[in-house]
Amino acid sequence: MMDLEGLRTAVGEMDEGRVNALLGGFLASQPTEEEARAVLAACQQGMDIVGERFGDGRYFVGDLIFAGSMLAGAVEKLKPLLGFGAGDFSAGTVVLGTVEGDIHFIGKNLFKTMAEAANFRVIDLGIDQPPQAFCEAAARYRPEIVGLSGLLSTAVDSMKETVAALTAAGLRKHLRVVIGGNIVNEEVCAYVGADAWSNNAYEAVGICRELVEK
């Protein structure tokens, strides 16, 4: 029997050795999909601890990146049991990418890992993506969310151009746009024409959940 509380605590304390040991023992027990979902939920609860500690200043950006990488490893181990990649993503679909003129990817990748762990299907377009790429992906995959990531100040105008392109293509009414990165705030969100913003990957997943539920 998996020690779910121990796993939650280990993830929250970023004890990678303990997390891997617990997951290794769990996987060796030939678990069911239901049991795997309970383990994934415990990992997510552990990330809640990480997010809370990041929010109150006990953890820093480097810690968040490390925790995201650790979670990515856990998700990879659990994917075969959860049917990830089989089109069964109950939370919805997110088209994600770093906008044109920007090649930063750490925040984008961290969000992707957390979103997939939260049962979102994530279509990752990669970095330096022009507005047309987002439009084509939105038309093809019909996502509930389009996530635009950027770190450079020039990314703000690229985000605005991307939202305008989605609107011009008649796709905007079918989805919500969430922008992310250290450059974004409420003012930038209004300028870009996005529905929501976050510079915290952990919080961004919660925002996507709320938008889909609405």
N, C-alpha and C. Protein backbone atom coordinates (compact mmCIF):
# COMPACT_ATOMS: atom_id res chain seq x y z
N MET A 1 0.86 -1.21 0.00
CA MET A 1 0.00 0.00 0.00
C MET A 1 0.89 1.25 0.00
N MET A 2 0.62 2.13 -0.96
CA MET A 2 1.40 3.35 -1.06
C MET A 2 1.11 4.28 0.12
N ASP A 3 2.17 4.86 0.67
CA ASP A 3 2.04 5.85 1.74
C ASP A 3 1.77 7.21 1.08
N LEU A 4 0.50 7.52 0.84
CA LEU A 4 0.14 8.73 0.12
C LEU A 4 0.54 9.99 0.88
N GLU A 5 0.37 9.97 2.18
CA GLU A 5 0.75 11.13 2.98
C GLU A 5 2.26 11.33 2.95
N GLY A 6 2.99 10.22 3.00
CA GLY A 6 4.45 10.31 2.92
C GLY A 6 4.90 10.85 1.58
N LEU A 7 4.20 10.45 0.50
CA LEU A 7 4.53 10.95 -0.83
C LEU A 7 4.22 12.44 -0.93
N ARG A 8 3.07 12.84 -0.44
CA ARG A 8 2.70 14.25 -0.46
C ARG A 8 3.75 15.10 0.27
N THR A 9 4.17 14.62 1.43
CA THR A 9 5.17 15.35 2.21
C THR A 9 6.51 15.39 1.50
N ALA A 10 6.91 14.26 0.89
CA ALA A 10 8.19 14.19 0.20
C ALA A 10 8.24 15.15 -0.98
N VAL A 11 7.13 15.24 -1.74
CA VAL A 11 7.07 16.18 -2.86
C VAL A 11 7.14 17.61 -2.32
N GLY A 12 6.38 17.88 -1.25
CA GLY A 12 6.38 19.22 -0.67
C GLY A 12 7.73 19.65 -0.16
N GLU A 13 8.51 18.68 0.33
CA GLU A 13 9.85 18.98 0.84
C GLU A 13 10.92 18.82 -0.23
N MET A 14 10.47 18.50 -1.45
CA MET A 14 11.37 18.31 -2.60
C MET A 14 12.45 17.27 -2.31
N ASP A 15 12.05 16.19 -1.63
CA ASP A 15 12.94 15.08 -1.31
C ASP A 15 12.88 14.09 -2.47
N GLU A 16 13.67 14.35 -3.51
CA GLU A 16 13.60 13.56 -4.73
C GLU A 16 13.91 12.08 -4.49
N GLY A 17 14.89 11.80 -3.65
CA GLY A 17 15.24 10.42 -3.36
C GLY A 17 14.07 9.66 -2.76
N ARG A 18 13.40 10.28 -1.81
CA ARG A 18 12.24 9.66 -1.16
C ARG A 18 11.09 9.48 -2.14
N VAL A 19 10.85 10.48 -2.98
CA VAL A 19 9.79 10.40 -3.98
C VAL A 19 10.04 9.24 -4.93
N ASN A 20 11.26 9.14 -5.42
CA ASN A 20 11.59 8.06 -6.36
C ASN A 20 11.47 6.69 -5.71
N ALA A 21 11.88 6.59 -4.45
CA ALA A 21 11.79 5.32 -3.74
C ALA A 21 10.33 4.90 -3.57
N LEU A 22 9.50 5.83 -3.19
CA LEU A 22 8.07 5.53 -3.00
C LEU A 22 7.42 5.14 -4.32
N LEU A 23 7.73 5.88 -5.38
CA LEU A 23 7.15 5.56 -6.68
C LEU A 23 7.65 4.23 -7.21
N GLY A 24 8.93 3.93 -6.97
CA GLY A 24 9.48 2.66 -7.42
C GLY A 24 8.78 1.48 -6.77
N GLY A 25 8.58 1.57 -5.47
CA GLY A 25 7.87 0.50 -4.76
C GLY A 25 6.43 0.38 -5.22
N PHE A 26 5.81 1.51 -5.49
CA PHE A 26 4.42 1.52 -5.95
C PHE A 26 4.30 0.84 -7.31
N LEU A 27 5.16 1.22 -8.25
CA LEU A 27 5.09 0.67 -9.60
C LEU A 27 5.38 -0.83 -9.62
N ALA A 28 6.21 -1.29 -8.69
CA ALA A 28 6.55 -2.71 -8.62
C ALA A 28 5.38 -3.55 -8.10
N SER A 29 4.38 -2.90 -7.53
CA SER A 29 3.24 -3.62 -6.95
C SER A 29 2.13 -3.90 -7.95
N GLN A 30 2.37 -3.57 -9.23
CA GLN A 30 1.39 -3.77 -10.30
C GLN A 30 0.05 -3.07 -9.96
N PRO A 31 0.11 -1.77 -9.80
CA PRO A 31 -1.07 -1.01 -9.36
C PRO A 31 -2.12 -0.86 -10.46
N THR A 32 -3.32 -0.51 -10.04
CA THR A 32 -4.41 -0.24 -10.97
C THR A 32 -4.39 1.23 -11.38
N GLU A 33 -5.18 1.57 -12.38
CA GLU A 33 -5.28 2.97 -12.81
C GLU A 33 -5.84 3.83 -11.69
N GLU A 34 -6.81 3.31 -10.96
CA GLU A 34 -7.40 4.07 -9.85
C GLU A 34 -6.36 4.38 -8.79
N GLU A 35 -5.51 3.41 -8.48
CA GLU A 35 -4.45 3.62 -7.50
C GLU A 35 -3.44 4.65 -8.03
N ALA A 36 -3.15 4.57 -9.33
CA ALA A 36 -2.21 5.52 -9.92
C ALA A 36 -2.75 6.94 -9.87
N ARG A 37 -4.05 7.10 -10.05
CA ARG A 37 -4.65 8.42 -9.97
C ARG A 37 -4.58 8.98 -8.55
N ALA A 38 -4.70 8.10 -7.58
CA ALA A 38 -4.57 8.54 -6.19
C ALA A 38 -3.14 9.00 -5.90
N VAL A 39 -2.18 8.30 -6.48
CA VAL A 39 -0.78 8.68 -6.31
C VAL A 39 -0.50 10.02 -7.00
N LEU A 40 -1.04 10.20 -8.20
CA LEU A 40 -0.87 11.46 -8.90
C LEU A 40 -1.50 12.60 -8.10
N ALA A 41 -2.66 12.34 -7.50
CA ALA A 41 -3.31 13.36 -6.67
C ALA A 41 -2.43 13.74 -5.49
N ALA A 42 -1.77 12.75 -4.90
CA ALA A 42 -0.87 13.03 -3.78
C ALA A 42 0.31 13.89 -4.23
N CYS A 43 0.81 13.61 -5.44
CA CYS A 43 1.90 14.43 -5.99
C CYS A 43 1.43 15.87 -6.20
N GLN A 44 0.22 16.02 -6.70
CA GLN A 44 -0.33 17.36 -6.91
C GLN A 44 -0.49 18.09 -5.57
N GLN A 45 -0.92 17.36 -4.56
CA GLN A 45 -1.06 17.96 -3.23
C GLN A 45 0.30 18.38 -2.68
N GLY A 46 1.32 17.59 -3.00
CA GLY A 46 2.67 17.97 -2.62
C GLY A 46 3.11 19.24 -3.32
N MET A 47 2.70 19.39 -4.61
CA MET A 47 3.02 20.61 -5.33
C MET A 47 2.25 21.80 -4.75
N ASP A 48 1.10 21.54 -4.17
CA ASP A 48 0.37 22.61 -3.47
C ASP A 48 1.23 23.17 -2.34
N ILE A 49 1.91 22.27 -1.63
CA ILE A 49 2.80 22.69 -0.54
C ILE A 49 3.94 23.54 -1.12
N VAL A 50 4.51 23.07 -2.23
CA VAL A 50 5.59 23.82 -2.87
C VAL A 50 5.10 25.22 -3.26
N GLY A 51 3.90 25.27 -3.86
CA GLY A 51 3.35 26.55 -4.28
C GLY A 51 3.10 27.49 -3.11
N GLU A 52 2.61 26.93 -2.01
CA GLU A 52 2.36 27.75 -0.82
C GLU A 52 3.68 28.30 -0.26
N ARG A 53 4.70 27.47 -0.22
CA ARG A 53 5.99 27.90 0.31
C ARG A 53 6.67 28.90 -0.61
N PHE A 54 6.44 28.73 -1.92
CA PHE A 54 6.94 29.72 -2.87
C PHE A 54 6.23 31.05 -2.65
N GLY A 55 4.92 30.96 -2.43
CA GLY A 55 4.13 32.17 -2.25
C GLY A 55 4.50 32.96 -1.01
N ASP A 56 4.88 32.25 0.06
CA ASP A 56 5.23 32.98 1.30
C ASP A 56 6.73 33.22 1.46
N GLY A 57 7.49 32.92 0.40
CA GLY A 57 8.91 33.28 0.39
C GLY A 57 9.86 32.24 0.94
N ARG A 58 9.35 31.07 1.32
CA ARG A 58 10.25 30.03 1.83
C ARG A 58 10.96 29.29 0.70
N TYR A 59 10.31 29.19 -0.45
CA TYR A 59 10.93 28.60 -1.63
C TYR A 59 11.11 29.70 -2.67
N PHE A 60 12.05 29.46 -3.59
CA PHE A 60 12.37 30.45 -4.60
C PHE A 60 12.15 29.86 -6.00
N VAL A 61 12.42 30.66 -7.03
CA VAL A 61 12.17 30.23 -8.40
C VAL A 61 12.93 28.94 -8.71
N GLY A 62 14.19 28.86 -8.26
CA GLY A 62 14.97 27.65 -8.50
C GLY A 62 14.33 26.43 -7.88
N ASP A 63 13.74 26.60 -6.70
CA ASP A 63 13.04 25.50 -6.04
C ASP A 63 11.81 25.09 -6.85
N LEU A 64 11.11 26.06 -7.38
CA LEU A 64 9.92 25.77 -8.17
C LEU A 64 10.30 25.00 -9.43
N ILE A 65 11.39 25.40 -10.06
CA ILE A 65 11.86 24.70 -11.25
C ILE A 65 12.26 23.27 -10.91
N PHE A 66 12.97 23.10 -9.80
CA PHE A 66 13.38 21.75 -9.38
C PHE A 66 12.15 20.89 -9.09
N ALA A 67 11.17 21.46 -8.39
CA ALA A 67 9.96 20.72 -8.05
C ALA A 67 9.20 20.34 -9.32
N GLY A 68 9.17 21.25 -10.28
CA GLY A 68 8.50 20.95 -11.55
C GLY A 68 9.18 19.82 -12.29
N SER A 69 10.51 19.81 -12.27
CA SER A 69 11.27 18.73 -12.90
C SER A 69 11.00 17.40 -12.19
N MET A 70 10.94 17.45 -10.87
CA MET A 70 10.65 16.25 -10.09
C MET A 70 9.26 15.72 -10.41
N LEU A 71 8.31 16.64 -10.52
CA LEU A 71 6.94 16.24 -10.86
C LEU A 71 6.89 15.65 -12.26
N ALA A 72 7.65 16.24 -13.18
CA ALA A 72 7.69 15.71 -14.55
C ALA A 72 8.16 14.26 -14.54
N GLY A 73 9.17 13.97 -13.72
CA GLY A 73 9.66 12.59 -13.61
C GLY A 73 8.60 11.65 -13.07
N ALA A 74 7.85 12.13 -12.08
CA ALA A 74 6.78 11.31 -11.50
C ALA A 74 5.68 11.06 -12.53
N VAL A 75 5.32 12.09 -13.26
CA VAL A 75 4.26 11.94 -14.26
C VAL A 75 4.69 10.95 -15.34
N GLU A 76 5.95 11.03 -15.77
CA GLU A 76 6.43 10.10 -16.78
C GLU A 76 6.32 8.66 -16.31
N LYS A 77 6.60 8.43 -15.05
CA LYS A 77 6.51 7.08 -14.49
C LYS A 77 5.06 6.60 -14.44
N LEU A 78 4.14 7.51 -14.19
CA LEU A 78 2.74 7.14 -14.03
C LEU A 78 1.95 7.13 -15.33
N LYS A 79 2.48 7.76 -16.37
CA LYS A 79 1.74 7.89 -17.63
C LYS A 79 1.22 6.56 -18.17
N PRO A 80 2.03 5.48 -18.19
CA PRO A 80 1.51 4.22 -18.75
C PRO A 80 0.26 3.72 -18.03
N LEU A 81 0.15 4.01 -16.75
CA LEU A 81 -1.00 3.56 -15.98
C LEU A 81 -2.21 4.49 -16.14
N LEU A 82 -1.95 5.73 -16.50
CA LEU A 82 -3.01 6.73 -16.56
C LEU A 82 -3.58 6.92 -17.95
N GLY A 83 -2.96 6.30 -18.95
CA GLY A 83 -3.46 6.45 -20.31
C GLY A 83 -3.16 7.79 -20.92
N PHE A 84 -2.17 8.51 -20.40
CA PHE A 84 -1.81 9.80 -20.97
C PHE A 84 -1.38 9.58 -22.43
N GLY A 85 -1.82 10.48 -23.29
CA GLY A 85 -1.48 10.36 -24.70
C GLY A 85 -2.53 9.61 -25.49
N ALA A 86 -3.55 9.10 -24.81
CA ALA A 86 -4.60 8.34 -25.48
C ALA A 86 -5.84 9.21 -25.74
N GLY A 87 -5.73 10.50 -25.50
CA GLY A 87 -6.84 11.39 -25.78
C GLY A 87 -7.86 11.46 -24.66
N ASP A 88 -7.52 10.93 -23.49
CA ASP A 88 -8.47 10.91 -22.38
C ASP A 88 -8.04 11.92 -21.33
N PHE A 89 -8.17 13.20 -21.65
CA PHE A 89 -7.76 14.27 -20.74
C PHE A 89 -9.02 15.01 -20.30
N SER A 90 -9.46 14.69 -19.12
CA SER A 90 -10.77 15.15 -18.66
C SER A 90 -10.85 16.65 -18.41
N ALA A 91 -9.73 17.31 -18.14
CA ALA A 91 -9.77 18.73 -17.77
C ALA A 91 -9.92 19.65 -18.98
N GLY A 92 -9.55 19.18 -20.17
CA GLY A 92 -9.64 20.00 -21.36
C GLY A 92 -8.32 20.05 -22.11
N THR A 93 -8.27 20.89 -23.14
CA THR A 93 -7.09 20.99 -23.99
C THR A 93 -6.51 22.40 -23.94
N VAL A 94 -5.19 22.46 -23.87
CA VAL A 94 -4.46 23.73 -23.87
C VAL A 94 -3.48 23.74 -25.04
N VAL A 95 -3.55 24.76 -25.88
CA VAL A 95 -2.51 25.00 -26.88
C VAL A 95 -1.53 25.98 -26.25
N LEU A 96 -0.27 25.62 -26.24
CA LEU A 96 0.74 26.36 -25.48
C LEU A 96 1.95 26.69 -26.34
N GLY A 97 2.53 27.85 -26.13
CA GLY A 97 3.76 28.17 -26.84
C GLY A 97 4.37 29.48 -26.35
N THR A 98 5.67 29.62 -26.60
CA THR A 98 6.35 30.89 -26.37
C THR A 98 6.18 31.72 -27.65
N VAL A 99 5.79 32.97 -27.50
CA VAL A 99 5.42 33.78 -28.65
C VAL A 99 6.63 34.19 -29.49
N GLU A 100 6.30 34.70 -30.66
CA GLU A 100 7.32 35.06 -31.65
C GLU A 100 8.32 36.08 -31.08
N GLY A 101 9.60 35.82 -31.35
CA GLY A 101 10.66 36.71 -30.89
C GLY A 101 11.23 36.35 -29.54
N ASP A 102 10.71 35.30 -28.91
CA ASP A 102 11.18 34.89 -27.59
C ASP A 102 11.49 33.40 -27.61
N ILE A 103 12.62 33.02 -27.02
CA ILE A 103 13.03 31.62 -27.06
C ILE A 103 13.09 31.00 -25.66
N HIS A 104 12.54 31.67 -24.66
CA HIS A 104 12.57 31.13 -23.31
C HIS A 104 11.54 30.01 -23.16
N PHE A 105 11.89 29.00 -22.40
CA PHE A 105 11.02 27.83 -22.33
C PHE A 105 10.86 27.23 -20.94
N ILE A 106 11.64 27.64 -19.95
CA ILE A 106 11.56 26.98 -18.64
C ILE A 106 10.17 27.12 -18.03
N GLY A 107 9.65 28.33 -18.00
CA GLY A 107 8.33 28.54 -17.44
C GLY A 107 7.25 27.79 -18.22
N LYS A 108 7.37 27.82 -19.54
CA LYS A 108 6.41 27.12 -20.39
C LYS A 108 6.42 25.62 -20.10
N ASN A 109 7.60 25.06 -20.04
CA ASN A 109 7.71 23.62 -19.79
C ASN A 109 7.23 23.24 -18.40
N LEU A 110 7.48 24.11 -17.43
CA LEU A 110 7.02 23.85 -16.08
C LEU A 110 5.49 23.85 -16.04
N PHE A 111 4.88 24.82 -16.70
CA PHE A 111 3.42 24.86 -16.76
C PHE A 111 2.89 23.61 -17.46
N LYS A 112 3.52 23.22 -18.55
CA LYS A 112 3.06 22.03 -19.29
C LYS A 112 3.02 20.80 -18.39
N THR A 113 4.09 20.59 -17.63
CA THR A 113 4.16 19.44 -16.74
C THR A 113 3.04 19.46 -15.71
N MET A 114 2.83 20.63 -15.11
CA MET A 114 1.80 20.74 -14.09
C MET A 114 0.40 20.59 -14.69
N ALA A 115 0.20 21.14 -15.88
CA ALA A 115 -1.10 21.04 -16.53
C ALA A 115 -1.42 19.60 -16.91
N GLU A 116 -0.43 18.89 -17.42
CA GLU A 116 -0.66 17.49 -17.76
C GLU A 116 -0.96 16.66 -16.52
N ALA A 117 -0.29 16.97 -15.44
CA ALA A 117 -0.55 16.26 -14.19
C ALA A 117 -1.96 16.56 -13.68
N ALA A 118 -2.51 17.71 -14.08
CA ALA A 118 -3.86 18.09 -13.70
C ALA A 118 -4.89 17.64 -14.73
N ASN A 119 -4.48 16.73 -15.61
CA ASN A 119 -5.37 16.10 -16.60
C ASN A 119 -5.75 16.99 -17.77
N PHE A 120 -4.92 17.98 -18.08
CA PHE A 120 -5.10 18.74 -19.31
C PHE A 120 -4.31 18.07 -20.43
N ARG A 121 -4.85 18.09 -21.61
CA ARG A 121 -4.09 17.73 -22.80
C ARG A 121 -3.37 18.99 -23.25
N VAL A 122 -2.06 18.93 -23.37
CA VAL A 122 -1.28 20.11 -23.73
C VAL A 122 -0.63 19.92 -25.09
N ILE A 123 -0.95 20.81 -26.01
CA ILE A 123 -0.33 20.83 -27.33
C ILE A 123 0.74 21.91 -27.28
N ASP A 124 1.99 21.49 -27.15
CA ASP A 124 3.11 22.42 -26.99
C ASP A 124 3.71 22.76 -28.35
N LEU A 125 3.55 23.99 -28.77
CA LEU A 125 4.06 24.42 -30.08
C LEU A 125 5.54 24.73 -30.05
N GLY A 126 6.10 24.93 -28.86
CA GLY A 126 7.51 25.24 -28.75
C GLY A 126 7.76 26.73 -28.55
N ILE A 127 8.92 27.19 -28.99
CA ILE A 127 9.33 28.57 -28.77
C ILE A 127 9.27 29.38 -30.07
N ASP A 128 9.29 30.71 -29.93
CA ASP A 128 9.37 31.63 -31.07
C ASP A 128 8.27 31.34 -32.09
N GLN A 129 7.04 31.25 -31.60
CA GLN A 129 5.92 30.87 -32.46
C GLN A 129 5.13 32.09 -32.93
N PRO A 130 4.93 32.23 -34.24
CA PRO A 130 4.19 33.38 -34.78
C PRO A 130 2.68 33.22 -34.53
N PRO A 131 1.93 34.30 -34.64
CA PRO A 131 0.48 34.23 -34.43
C PRO A 131 -0.21 33.15 -35.26
N GLN A 132 0.22 32.98 -36.50
CA GLN A 132 -0.43 32.01 -37.37
C GLN A 132 -0.33 30.59 -36.82
N ALA A 133 0.77 30.29 -36.15
CA ALA A 133 0.94 28.94 -35.59
C ALA A 133 -0.12 28.67 -34.52
N PHE A 134 -0.39 29.69 -33.70
CA PHE A 134 -1.41 29.54 -32.67
C PHE A 134 -2.80 29.41 -33.30
N CYS A 135 -3.04 30.18 -34.37
CA CYS A 135 -4.33 30.11 -35.05
C CYS A 135 -4.55 28.73 -35.67
N GLU A 136 -3.53 28.22 -36.31
CA GLU A 136 -3.65 26.90 -36.94
C GLU A 136 -3.90 25.81 -35.90
N ALA A 137 -3.19 25.90 -34.78
CA ALA A 137 -3.36 24.90 -33.72
C ALA A 137 -4.73 25.02 -33.08
N ALA A 138 -5.20 26.26 -32.89
CA ALA A 138 -6.52 26.47 -32.29
C ALA A 138 -7.62 25.93 -33.19
N ALA A 139 -7.47 26.10 -34.50
CA ALA A 139 -8.45 25.60 -35.45
C ALA A 139 -8.44 24.07 -35.51
N ARG A 140 -7.26 23.51 -35.37
CA ARG A 140 -7.12 22.05 -35.47
C ARG A 140 -7.58 21.33 -34.20
N TYR A 141 -7.15 21.83 -33.04
CA TYR A 141 -7.38 21.10 -31.79
C TYR A 141 -8.58 21.60 -30.99
N ARG A 142 -9.13 22.76 -31.34
CA ARG A 142 -10.27 23.33 -30.63
C ARG A 142 -10.07 23.34 -29.10
N PRO A 143 -9.01 23.97 -28.64
CA PRO A 143 -8.72 23.97 -27.20
C PRO A 143 -9.66 24.89 -26.42
N GLU A 144 -9.79 24.63 -25.15
CA GLU A 144 -10.49 25.54 -24.26
C GLU A 144 -9.60 26.73 -23.89
N ILE A 145 -8.28 26.47 -23.88
CA ILE A 145 -7.31 27.49 -23.45
C ILE A 145 -6.18 27.60 -24.48
N VAL A 146 -5.76 28.83 -24.76
CA VAL A 146 -4.50 29.07 -25.48
C VAL A 146 -3.58 29.79 -24.50
N GLY A 147 -2.42 29.21 -24.25
CA GLY A 147 -1.46 29.79 -23.33
C GLY A 147 -0.30 30.42 -24.08
N LEU A 148 -0.07 31.70 -23.83
CA LEU A 148 1.01 32.45 -24.48
C LEU A 148 2.07 32.77 -23.44
N SER A 149 3.29 32.31 -23.68
CA SER A 149 4.38 32.51 -22.74
C SER A 149 5.42 33.46 -23.31
N GLY A 150 6.06 34.22 -22.43
CA GLY A 150 7.12 35.12 -22.86
C GLY A 150 7.89 35.69 -21.69
N LEU A 151 9.13 36.02 -21.91
CA LEU A 151 9.96 36.60 -20.86
C LEU A 151 10.53 37.96 -21.26
N LEU A 152 10.74 38.16 -22.56
CA LEU A 152 11.29 39.42 -23.04
C LEU A 152 10.20 40.48 -23.14
N SER A 153 10.59 41.73 -22.99
CA SER A 153 9.60 42.82 -23.06
C SER A 153 8.93 42.87 -24.42
N THR A 154 9.65 42.49 -25.46
CA THR A 154 9.09 42.49 -26.82
C THR A 154 7.99 41.45 -26.99
N ALA A 155 7.93 40.48 -26.07
CA ALA A 155 6.91 39.44 -26.17
C ALA A 155 5.51 40.00 -25.96
N VAL A 156 5.41 41.13 -25.28
CA VAL A 156 4.09 41.71 -25.00
C VAL A 156 3.37 42.03 -26.31
N ASP A 157 4.06 42.69 -27.22
CA ASP A 157 3.44 43.02 -28.50
C ASP A 157 3.15 41.76 -29.32
N SER A 158 4.00 40.75 -29.21
CA SER A 158 3.75 39.49 -29.90
C SER A 158 2.49 38.82 -29.35
N MET A 159 2.30 38.91 -28.04
CA MET A 159 1.09 38.36 -27.43
C MET A 159 -0.14 39.09 -27.96
N LYS A 160 -0.05 40.42 -28.01
CA LYS A 160 -1.17 41.23 -28.50
C LYS A 160 -1.51 40.86 -29.95
N GLU A 161 -0.47 40.71 -30.77
CA GLU A 161 -0.68 40.35 -32.17
C GLU A 161 -1.31 38.96 -32.30
N THR A 162 -0.93 38.06 -31.41
CA THR A 162 -1.48 36.71 -31.45
C THR A 162 -2.95 36.70 -31.07
N VAL A 163 -3.32 37.45 -30.03
CA VAL A 163 -4.72 37.54 -29.64
C VAL A 163 -5.53 38.18 -30.77
N ALA A 164 -4.99 39.21 -31.41
CA ALA A 164 -5.67 39.86 -32.53
C ALA A 164 -5.88 38.88 -33.68
N ALA A 165 -4.87 38.05 -33.94
CA ALA A 165 -4.97 37.07 -35.03
C ALA A 165 -6.04 36.01 -34.72
N LEU A 166 -6.10 35.58 -33.47
CA LEU A 166 -7.13 34.61 -33.08
C LEU A 166 -8.52 35.21 -33.25
N THR A 167 -8.65 36.48 -32.92
CA THR A 167 -9.93 37.17 -33.06
C THR A 167 -10.30 37.31 -34.52
N ALA A 168 -9.35 37.74 -35.34
CA ALA A 168 -9.60 37.93 -36.77
C ALA A 168 -9.98 36.63 -37.46
N ALA A 169 -9.45 35.52 -36.96
CA ALA A 169 -9.74 34.22 -37.56
C ALA A 169 -11.06 33.62 -37.07
N GLY A 170 -11.74 34.34 -36.17
CA GLY A 170 -13.01 33.86 -35.66
C GLY A 170 -12.88 32.76 -34.62
N LEU A 171 -11.70 32.65 -34.03
CA LEU A 171 -11.44 31.57 -33.08
C LEU A 171 -11.57 32.01 -31.63
N ARG A 172 -11.51 33.31 -31.41
CA ARG A 172 -11.44 33.84 -30.05
C ARG A 172 -12.65 33.49 -29.20
N LYS A 173 -13.83 33.45 -29.82
CA LYS A 173 -15.05 33.22 -29.04
C LYS A 173 -15.16 31.79 -28.52
N HIS A 174 -14.33 30.90 -29.05
CA HIS A 174 -14.39 29.50 -28.65
C HIS A 174 -13.37 29.13 -27.57
N LEU A 175 -12.54 30.08 -27.15
CA LEU A 175 -11.47 29.75 -26.22
C LEU A 175 -11.15 30.93 -25.32
N ARG A 176 -10.31 30.66 -24.32
CA ARG A 176 -9.82 31.69 -23.41
C ARG A 176 -8.30 31.77 -23.56
N VAL A 177 -7.77 32.96 -23.48
CA VAL A 177 -6.33 33.18 -23.61
C VAL A 177 -5.74 33.51 -22.25
N VAL A 178 -4.70 32.77 -21.88
CA VAL A 178 -3.97 33.00 -20.64
C VAL A 178 -2.53 33.33 -20.99
N ILE A 179 -2.01 34.43 -20.48
CA ILE A 179 -0.62 34.80 -20.75
C ILE A 179 0.22 34.55 -19.50
N GLY A 180 1.49 34.22 -19.73
CA GLY A 180 2.36 33.92 -18.60
C GLY A 180 3.79 34.37 -18.82
N GLY A 181 4.50 34.59 -17.72
CA GLY A 181 5.89 35.02 -17.78
C GLY A 181 6.13 36.16 -16.82
N ASN A 182 7.38 36.43 -16.52
CA ASN A 182 7.71 37.49 -15.56
C ASN A 182 7.34 38.89 -16.04
N ILE A 183 7.06 39.03 -17.33
CA ILE A 183 6.73 40.35 -17.88
C ILE A 183 5.25 40.69 -17.72
N VAL A 184 4.42 39.72 -17.38
CA VAL A 184 2.98 39.97 -17.41
C VAL A 184 2.44 40.45 -16.06
N ASN A 185 1.37 41.24 -16.15
CA ASN A 185 0.65 41.72 -14.98
C ASN A 185 -0.75 42.11 -15.46
N GLU A 186 -1.53 42.70 -14.58
CA GLU A 186 -2.91 43.06 -14.93
C GLU A 186 -2.96 44.05 -16.08
N GLU A 187 -2.04 45.01 -16.06
CA GLU A 187 -2.01 46.02 -17.12
C GLU A 187 -1.67 45.40 -18.47
N VAL A 188 -0.68 44.51 -18.47
CA VAL A 188 -0.29 43.83 -19.70
C VAL A 188 -1.44 42.96 -20.21
N CYS A 189 -2.12 42.29 -19.30
CA CYS A 189 -3.25 41.44 -19.67
C CYS A 189 -4.31 42.26 -20.40
N ALA A 190 -4.63 43.44 -19.88
CA ALA A 190 -5.62 44.30 -20.51
C ALA A 190 -5.14 44.78 -21.88
N TYR A 191 -3.87 45.15 -21.96
CA TYR A 191 -3.29 45.64 -23.23
C TYR A 191 -3.33 44.55 -24.29
N VAL A 192 -2.98 43.35 -23.90
CA VAL A 192 -2.92 42.22 -24.84
C VAL A 192 -4.32 41.78 -25.26
N GLY A 193 -5.28 41.91 -24.35
CA GLY A 193 -6.62 41.43 -24.63
C GLY A 193 -6.84 40.00 -24.20
N ALA A 194 -6.03 39.54 -23.24
CA ALA A 194 -6.14 38.17 -22.74
C ALA A 194 -7.23 38.09 -21.67
N ASP A 195 -7.61 36.87 -21.35
CA ASP A 195 -8.63 36.65 -20.33
C ASP A 195 -8.05 36.58 -18.93
N ALA A 196 -6.81 36.15 -18.83
CA ALA A 196 -6.17 35.99 -17.52
C ALA A 196 -4.66 35.98 -17.68
N TRP A 197 -3.97 36.16 -16.57
CA TRP A 197 -2.52 36.18 -16.60
C TRP A 197 -1.97 35.54 -15.33
N SER A 198 -0.71 35.11 -15.40
CA SER A 198 0.00 34.62 -14.23
C SER A 198 1.48 34.59 -14.53
N ASN A 199 2.29 34.90 -13.52
CA ASN A 199 3.74 34.70 -13.65
C ASN A 199 4.20 33.58 -12.73
N ASN A 200 3.26 32.70 -12.41
CA ASN A 200 3.52 31.54 -11.56
C ASN A 200 2.85 30.33 -12.20
N ALA A 201 3.64 29.37 -12.67
CA ALA A 201 3.10 28.21 -13.39
C ALA A 201 2.11 27.43 -12.54
N TYR A 202 2.40 27.34 -11.26
CA TYR A 202 1.51 26.63 -10.34
C TYR A 202 0.13 27.30 -10.30
N GLU A 203 0.10 28.61 -10.18
CA GLU A 203 -1.16 29.33 -10.15
C GLU A 203 -1.87 29.29 -11.49
N ALA A 204 -1.11 29.28 -12.58
CA ALA A 204 -1.69 29.30 -13.91
C ALA A 204 -2.57 28.08 -14.17
N VAL A 205 -2.17 26.93 -13.64
CA VAL A 205 -2.98 25.73 -13.83
C VAL A 205 -4.34 25.91 -13.14
N GLY A 206 -4.34 26.47 -11.95
CA GLY A 206 -5.58 26.74 -11.25
C GLY A 206 -6.47 27.72 -12.02
N ILE A 207 -5.86 28.71 -12.62
CA ILE A 207 -6.60 29.68 -13.44
C ILE A 207 -7.25 28.97 -14.63
N CYS A 208 -6.52 28.09 -15.27
CA CYS A 208 -7.07 27.34 -16.41
C CYS A 208 -8.25 26.48 -15.98
N ARG A 209 -8.13 25.86 -14.84
CA ARG A 209 -9.24 25.05 -14.31
C ARG A 209 -10.49 25.92 -14.14
N GLU A 210 -10.30 27.08 -13.53
CA GLU A 210 -11.44 27.98 -13.28
C GLU A 210 -12.08 28.44 -14.58
N LEU A 211 -11.27 28.77 -15.58
CA LEU A 211 -11.79 29.23 -16.84
C LEU A 211 -12.58 28.14 -17.56
N VAL A 212 -12.08 26.92 -17.50
CA VAL A 212 -12.78 25.81 -18.16
C VAL A 212 -14.10 25.52 -17.45
N GLU A 213 -14.09 25.58 -16.14
CA GLU A 213 -15.31 25.31 -15.38
C GLU A 213 -16.38 26.34 -15.64
N LYS A 214 -15.98 27.58 -15.95
CA LYS A 214 -16.96 28.63 -16.26
C LYS A 214 -17.60 28.40 -17.62
